[in-house]
Protein backbone atom coordinates (compact mmCIF):
# COMPACT_ATOMS: atom_id res chain seq x y z
CA MET A 1 103.33 89.16 96.05
CA ASP A 2 103.81 90.24 99.67
CA LEU A 3 107.08 90.29 101.61
CA GLY A 4 106.35 91.20 105.20
CA GLY A 5 107.90 90.27 108.49
CA THR A 6 109.64 86.98 107.90
CA ASN A 7 107.01 85.66 105.47
CA LEU A 8 106.47 85.65 101.73
CA ARG A 9 103.05 85.26 100.16
CA VAL A 10 102.49 84.76 96.45
CA MET A 11 98.91 85.05 95.25
CA LEU A 12 97.31 84.50 91.87
CA MET A 13 94.04 86.34 91.32
CA ALA A 14 91.48 85.88 88.55
CA ILE A 15 89.18 88.86 88.21
CA THR A 16 86.28 88.35 85.83
CA PRO A 17 83.43 90.87 85.66
CA GLY A 18 80.21 89.39 87.03
CA GLU A 19 82.00 86.48 88.71
CA GLU A 20 83.46 85.89 92.15
CA LEU A 21 87.09 86.73 92.67
CA LYS A 22 89.23 83.58 92.43
CA THR A 23 92.47 83.36 94.38
CA GLU A 24 95.17 80.80 94.94
CA GLN A 25 98.13 81.43 97.19
CA PHE A 26 101.42 80.11 98.46
CA ASN A 27 102.83 81.14 101.84
CA THR A 28 106.31 80.45 103.17
CA ARG A 29 108.63 81.62 105.89
CA ILE A 30 111.79 83.29 104.64
CA PRO A 31 114.70 80.99 105.56
CA ASN A 32 117.30 82.36 107.98
CA TRP A 33 120.05 82.22 105.35
CA ALA A 34 118.02 84.57 103.12
CA MET A 35 117.15 86.93 106.00
CA ARG A 36 120.82 87.24 106.93
CA GLY A 37 122.53 86.81 103.57
CA THR A 38 122.95 89.20 100.66
CA GLY A 39 120.22 91.11 98.89
CA GLU A 40 120.85 89.03 95.80
CA GLN A 41 120.25 85.83 97.79
CA LEU A 42 117.01 87.19 99.26
CA PHE A 43 115.59 88.43 95.97
CA ASP A 44 116.68 85.26 94.15
CA TYR A 45 114.81 83.23 96.80
CA ILE A 46 111.70 85.39 96.28
CA THR A 47 111.98 84.95 92.50
CA LYS A 48 112.44 81.19 92.88
CA CYS A 49 109.25 80.96 94.96
CA LEU A 50 107.35 83.09 92.44
CA ALA A 51 108.56 81.00 89.49
CA GLU A 52 107.73 77.68 91.16
CA PHE A 53 104.23 78.92 92.03
CA LEU A 54 103.56 80.14 88.48
CA ILE A 55 104.81 76.84 87.03
CA GLU A 56 102.64 74.87 89.46
CA LYS A 57 99.60 76.89 88.33
CA GLY A 58 100.52 76.57 84.65
CA VAL A 59 100.68 80.32 84.01
CA GLN A 60 104.45 80.88 83.80
CA ASN A 61 104.25 82.04 80.17
CA ASP A 62 101.16 84.24 80.50
CA GLY A 63 103.02 87.53 81.06
CA LEU A 64 100.98 88.36 84.15
CA PRO A 65 101.40 91.70 85.93
CA VAL A 66 103.02 91.54 89.37
CA GLY A 67 102.09 93.62 92.38
CA PHE A 68 104.75 93.75 95.08
CA THR A 69 103.94 94.68 98.67
CA PHE A 70 107.19 95.35 100.52
CA SER A 71 106.40 95.90 104.20
CA TYR A 72 109.54 97.70 105.31
CA PRO A 73 110.30 101.44 105.61
CA CYS A 74 110.92 102.85 102.14
CA ASP A 75 111.09 106.15 100.33
CA GLN A 76 108.51 105.48 97.63
CA LYS A 77 109.07 107.62 94.56
CA SER A 78 106.36 106.00 92.39
CA LEU A 79 104.42 102.75 92.06
CA ARG A 80 107.53 101.26 90.44
CA SER A 81 110.23 102.72 92.67
CA ALA A 82 110.91 102.42 96.41
CA THR A 83 114.24 102.78 98.18
CA LEU A 84 114.69 100.75 101.37
CA LEU A 85 115.47 103.04 104.32
CA ARG A 86 116.19 100.29 106.87
CA TRP A 87 115.33 96.71 107.64
CA THR A 88 112.97 95.82 110.50
CA LYS A 89 111.28 92.64 111.72
CA GLY A 90 114.47 90.60 112.07
CA ILE A 91 115.72 90.97 108.50
CA GLU A 92 119.44 91.75 108.28
CA THR A 93 120.10 91.17 104.58
CA THR A 94 123.09 93.14 103.28
CA GLY A 95 123.32 95.32 100.20
CA VAL A 96 119.68 96.42 100.07
CA VAL A 97 119.41 99.52 102.29
CA GLY A 98 119.58 102.57 100.02
CA LYS A 99 118.66 100.54 96.94
CA ASP A 100 115.45 100.44 94.89
CA VAL A 101 113.72 97.19 95.87
CA VAL A 102 111.67 97.11 92.65
CA GLU A 103 114.89 97.22 90.62
CA LEU A 104 116.38 94.44 92.78
CA LEU A 105 113.31 92.27 92.15
CA GLU A 106 113.36 93.00 88.41
CA GLN A 107 117.09 92.18 88.24
CA SER A 108 116.48 88.89 90.03
CA ILE A 109 113.66 87.98 87.65
CA ALA A 110 115.92 88.82 84.68
CA ARG A 111 118.71 86.60 86.08
CA ARG A 112 116.26 83.72 86.33
CA GLY A 113 114.95 84.32 82.82
């Protein structure tokens, strides 16, 4: 999953040794209300898009790993921890600067179930 600029891309990859890489993806523009709302609204929108894509592909119960590219200035402490330093690229969502964006995504996924 890639959140960059004002766009979100969700990609499903099938990697099988000896075969070509198979990919399917969904791209969308982040709506203005999510770019200017609360962090919870933004991450819930991201989670909604992810869930709908996984359901469409029939893999929602497969327990797939998620990679998250977050293209904004962060203090990255590990592969699973990055604190947003500031928004750029027109995003003005509140309640995210100074927070761990991985935790915010995980909390949103947990809310959705």
